C-alpha cells in the first residue's frame, strides 16, 4: 500500500475559523453598505435656507409674543413681512438659535416661514 501525502496551498481551517471569517465578511459588507449609502445621501441636494443678505430688513415689532419680556416678538406689517402675513395666523420673529426659539417650536405647532441673518420667522395659526 502506498500512502499519498497531499499538500494544499490553503491551510486547514477549523469550523470556528470559518465562522469567524464569515462574520467578519458580513461586518465588512455591512460597513461597505453603510459607507455607500452615506455617499449616496451626500449626493442629495438639501434645500437652501432662505436668508436675506445683510443688513437685516427693518422690522416692526409689536410686543413679546408669549409675555412682554419674551425674545420672540409679534411682527407687524413692513415691506419685508407683507408676503408672510396672514389673517389666520400670527407672524413671530425669534432670534435665530435662541432658547426662546427652541421653546416656541416645542410649545406650538409652528412652521418656519423664512430667515434673515438674525431672526427666524414663524407662522402661528390661530386655530
C-alpha atoms as a PDB file:
ATOM      1  CA  UNK A   1       0.000   0.000   0.000  1.00  0.00           C
ATOM      2  CA  UNK A   2       1.146   3.368  -0.837  1.00  0.00           C
ATOM      3  CA  UNK A   3       0.034   6.394   1.061  1.00  0.00           C
ATOM      4  CA  UNK A   4      -0.276   9.706  -0.557  1.00  0.00           C
ATOM      5  CA  UNK A   5       0.534  12.943   1.054  1.00  0.00           C
ATOM      6  CA  UNK A   6      -1.328  15.815  -0.413  1.00  0.00           C
ATOM      7  CA  UNK A   7      -0.088  19.293   0.024  1.00  0.00           C
ATOM      8  CA  UNK A   8      -2.529  22.121  -0.280  1.00  0.00           C
ATOM      9  CA  UNK A   9      -1.690  25.728  -0.709  1.00  0.00           C
ATOM     10  CA  UNK A  10      -4.657  26.526   1.567  1.00  0.00           C
ATOM     11  CA  UNK A  11      -4.116  25.793   5.234  1.00  0.00           C
ATOM     12  CA  UNK A  12      -6.536  23.623   7.115  1.00  0.00           C
ATOM     13  CA  UNK A  13      -9.329  25.721   8.579  1.00  0.00           C
ATOM     14  CA  UNK A  14     -11.492  24.766  11.508  1.00  0.00           C
ATOM     15  CA  UNK A  15     -15.209  25.360  11.605  1.00  0.00           C
ATOM     16  CA  UNK A  16     -14.706  28.042  14.241  1.00  0.00           C
ATOM     17  CA  UNK A  17     -12.246  29.896  11.999  1.00  0.00           C
ATOM     18  CA  UNK A  18     -14.696  29.674   9.096  1.00  0.00           C
ATOM     19  CA  UNK A  19     -17.468  31.147  11.254  1.00  0.00           C
ATOM     20  CA  UNK A  20     -15.199  33.986  12.361  1.00  0.00           C
ATOM     21  CA  UNK A  21     -14.221  34.741   8.758  1.00  0.00           C
ATOM     22  CA  UNK A  22     -17.877  34.608   7.681  1.00  0.00           C
ATOM     23  CA  UNK A  23     -18.853  37.009  10.472  1.00  0.00           C
ATOM     24  CA  UNK A  24     -16.003  39.369   9.574  1.00  0.00           C
ATOM     25  CA  UNK A  25     -17.058  39.257   5.930  1.00  0.00           C
ATOM     26  CA  UNK A  26     -20.638  40.133   6.921  1.00  0.00           C
ATOM     27  CA  UNK A  27     -19.341  43.002   9.066  1.00  0.00           C
ATOM     28  CA  UNK A  28     -17.249  44.267   6.181  1.00  0.00           C
ATOM     29  CA  UNK A  29     -20.256  44.035   3.864  1.00  0.00           C
ATOM     30  CA  UNK A  30     -22.368  45.995   6.356  1.00  0.00           C
ATOM     31  CA  UNK A  31     -19.698  48.691   6.632  1.00  0.00           C
ATOM     32  CA  UNK A  32     -19.442  48.933   2.849  1.00  0.00           C
ATOM     33  CA  UNK A  33     -23.226  49.192   2.528  1.00  0.00           C
ATOM     34  CA  UNK A  34     -23.313  51.936   5.151  1.00  0.00           C
ATOM     35  CA  UNK A  35     -20.476  53.833   3.500  1.00  0.00           C
ATOM     36  CA  UNK A  36     -22.102  53.653   0.069  1.00  0.00           C
ATOM     37  CA  UNK A  37     -25.455  54.831   1.461  1.00  0.00           C
ATOM     38  CA  UNK A  38     -23.715  57.804   3.092  1.00  0.00           C
ATOM     39  CA  UNK A  39     -22.056  58.651  -0.209  1.00  0.00           C
ATOM     40  CA  UNK A  40     -25.408  58.492  -1.982  1.00  0.00           C
ATOM     41  CA  UNK A  41     -27.058  60.540   0.770  1.00  0.00           C
ATOM     42  CA  UNK A  42     -24.366  63.157   0.288  1.00  0.00           C
ATOM     43  CA  UNK A  43     -25.436  63.494  -3.348  1.00  0.00           C
ATOM     44  CA  UNK A  44     -28.968  64.501  -2.423  1.00  0.00           C
ATOM     45  CA  UNK A  45     -29.432  68.229  -2.550  1.00  0.00           C
ATOM     46  CA  UNK A  46     -30.519  69.768   0.705  1.00  0.00           C
ATOM     47  CA  UNK A  47     -32.936  72.671   0.493  1.00  0.00           C
ATOM     48  CA  UNK A  48     -31.254  76.030   0.604  1.00  0.00           C
ATOM     49  CA  UNK A  49     -32.173  78.088   3.648  1.00  0.00           C
ATOM     50  CA  UNK A  50     -33.950  81.282   2.761  1.00  0.00           C
ATOM     51  CA  UNK A  51     -31.904  84.170   4.101  1.00  0.00           C
ATOM     52  CA  UNK A  52     -31.802  87.855   3.372  1.00  0.00           C
ATOM     53  CA  UNK A  53     -28.408  89.376   2.810  1.00  0.00           C
ATOM     54  CA  UNK A  54     -27.088  91.964   5.238  1.00  0.00           C
ATOM     55  CA  UNK A  55     -28.315  94.179   6.732  1.00  0.00           C
ATOM     56  CA  UNK A  56     -31.435  92.731   8.330  1.00  0.00           C
ATOM     57  CA  UNK A  57     -34.600  94.340   6.999  1.00  0.00           C
ATOM     58  CA  UNK A  58     -36.392  96.932   9.073  1.00  0.00           C
ATOM     59  CA  UNK A  59     -38.991  95.130  11.158  1.00  0.00           C
ATOM     60  CA  UNK A  60     -41.960  96.414  13.114  1.00  0.00           C
ATOM     61  CA  UNK A  61     -42.037  94.601  16.462  1.00  0.00           C
ATOM     62  CA  UNK A  62     -45.435  94.856  18.170  1.00  0.00           C
ATOM     63  CA  UNK A  63     -44.769  93.146  21.517  1.00  0.00           C
ATOM     64  CA  UNK A  64     -43.369  89.987  23.083  1.00  0.00           C
ATOM     65  CA  UNK A  65     -45.343  87.018  21.800  1.00  0.00           C
ATOM     66  CA  UNK A  66     -45.851  84.986  24.992  1.00  0.00           C
ATOM     67  CA  UNK A  67     -45.052  87.705  27.529  1.00  0.00           C
ATOM     68  CA  UNK A  68     -43.853  91.327  27.462  1.00  0.00           C
ATOM     69  CA  UNK A  69     -40.242  90.200  28.066  1.00  0.00           C
ATOM     70  CA  UNK A  70     -40.296  87.349  25.513  1.00  0.00           C
ATOM     71  CA  UNK A  71     -37.417  87.373  22.989  1.00  0.00           C
ATOM     72  CA  UNK A  72     -39.867  86.107  20.358  1.00  0.00           C
ATOM     73  CA  UNK A  73     -41.757  89.129  19.087  1.00  0.00           C
ATOM     74  CA  UNK A  74     -45.046  89.547  17.260  1.00  0.00           C
ATOM     75  CA  UNK A  75     -44.144  91.216  13.972  1.00  0.00           C
ATOM     76  CA  UNK A  76     -46.233  93.874  12.254  1.00  0.00           C
ATOM     77  CA  UNK A  77     -46.527  94.811   8.612  1.00  0.00           C
ATOM     78  CA  UNK A  78     -43.476  96.144   6.771  1.00  0.00           C
ATOM     79  CA  UNK A  79     -42.118  95.933   3.248  1.00  0.00           C
ATOM     80  CA  UNK A  80     -40.303  92.720   4.197  1.00  0.00           C
ATOM     81  CA  UNK A  81     -43.138  90.971   6.068  1.00  0.00           C
ATOM     82  CA  UNK A  82     -46.054  91.822   3.745  1.00  0.00           C
ATOM     83  CA  UNK A  83     -45.761  88.497   1.889  1.00  0.00           C
ATOM     84  CA  UNK A  84     -45.652  86.456   5.116  1.00  0.00           C
ATOM     85  CA  UNK A  85     -48.611  87.976   6.957  1.00  0.00           C
ATOM     86  CA  UNK A  86     -51.848  86.015   7.056  1.00  0.00           C
ATOM     87  CA  UNK A  87     -55.258  86.829   8.521  1.00  0.00           C
ATOM     88  CA  UNK A  88     -55.461  83.388  10.182  1.00  0.00           C
ATOM     89  CA  UNK A  89     -52.052  83.366  11.872  1.00  0.00           C
ATOM     90  CA  UNK A  90     -49.516  85.452  13.765  1.00  0.00           C
ATOM     91  CA  UNK A  91     -46.099  86.222  12.337  1.00  0.00           C
ATOM     92  CA  UNK A  92     -43.499  85.837  15.083  1.00  0.00           C
ATOM     93  CA  UNK A  93     -39.760  86.531  14.878  1.00  0.00           C
ATOM     94  CA  UNK A  94     -37.271  84.906  17.249  1.00  0.00           C
ATOM     95  CA  UNK A  95     -33.505  85.421  17.376  1.00  0.00           C
ATOM     96  CA  UNK A  96     -32.064  82.541  15.362  1.00  0.00           C
ATOM     97  CA  UNK A  97     -30.698  79.792  17.591  1.00  0.00           C
ATOM     98  CA  UNK A  98     -32.032  81.275  20.826  1.00  0.00           C
ATOM     99  CA  UNK A  99     -33.568  79.198  23.603  1.00  0.00           C
ATOM    100  CA  UNK A 100     -36.764  81.221  23.130  1.00  0.00           C
ATOM    101  CA  UNK A 101     -36.930  79.966  19.541  1.00  0.00           C
ATOM    102  CA  UNK A 102     -36.480  76.361  20.667  1.00  0.00           C
ATOM    103  CA  UNK A 103     -39.221  76.615  23.302  1.00  0.00           C
ATOM    104  CA  UNK A 104     -41.582  78.305  20.833  1.00  0.00           C
ATOM    105  CA  UNK A 105     -41.098  75.438  18.384  1.00  0.00           C
ATOM    106  CA  UNK A 106     -41.625  72.860  21.142  1.00  0.00           C
ATOM    107  CA  UNK A 107     -44.737  74.544  22.588  1.00  0.00           C
ATOM    108  CA  UNK A 108     -46.594  75.441  19.393  1.00  0.00           C
ATOM    109  CA  UNK A 109     -47.467  73.980  16.056  1.00  0.00           C
ATOM    110  CA  UNK A 110     -45.273  76.494  14.279  1.00  0.00           C
ATOM    111  CA  UNK A 111     -43.640  76.366  10.910  1.00  0.00           C
ATOM    112  CA  UNK A 112     -40.612  78.339   9.788  1.00  0.00           C
ATOM    113  CA  UNK A 113     -41.578  80.840   7.102  1.00  0.00           C
ATOM    114  CA  UNK A 114     -38.217  82.475   6.392  1.00  0.00           C
ATOM    115  CA  UNK A 115     -34.952  83.545   7.977  1.00  0.00           C
ATOM    116  CA  UNK A 116     -32.736  86.598   7.942  1.00  0.00           C
ATOM    117  CA  UNK A 117     -29.237  86.944   9.318  1.00  0.00           C
ATOM    118  CA  UNK A 118     -30.539  87.471  12.853  1.00  0.00           C
ATOM    119  CA  UNK A 119     -34.148  86.265  13.003  1.00  0.00           C
ATOM    120  CA  UNK A 120     -36.218  83.199  12.217  1.00  0.00           C
ATOM    121  CA  UNK A 121     -39.854  83.886  11.339  1.00  0.00           C
ATOM    122  CA  UNK A 122     -42.717  81.572  12.279  1.00  0.00           C
ATOM    123  CA  UNK A 123     -46.329  81.485  11.226  1.00  0.00           C
ATOM    124  CA  UNK A 124     -48.523  80.511  14.186  1.00  0.00           C
ATOM    125  CA  UNK A 125     -52.124  79.669  13.241  1.00  0.00           C
ATOM    126  CA  UNK A 126     -54.977  80.865  15.432  1.00  0.00           C
ATOM    127  CA  UNK A 127     -56.948  77.656  15.016  1.00  0.00           C
END
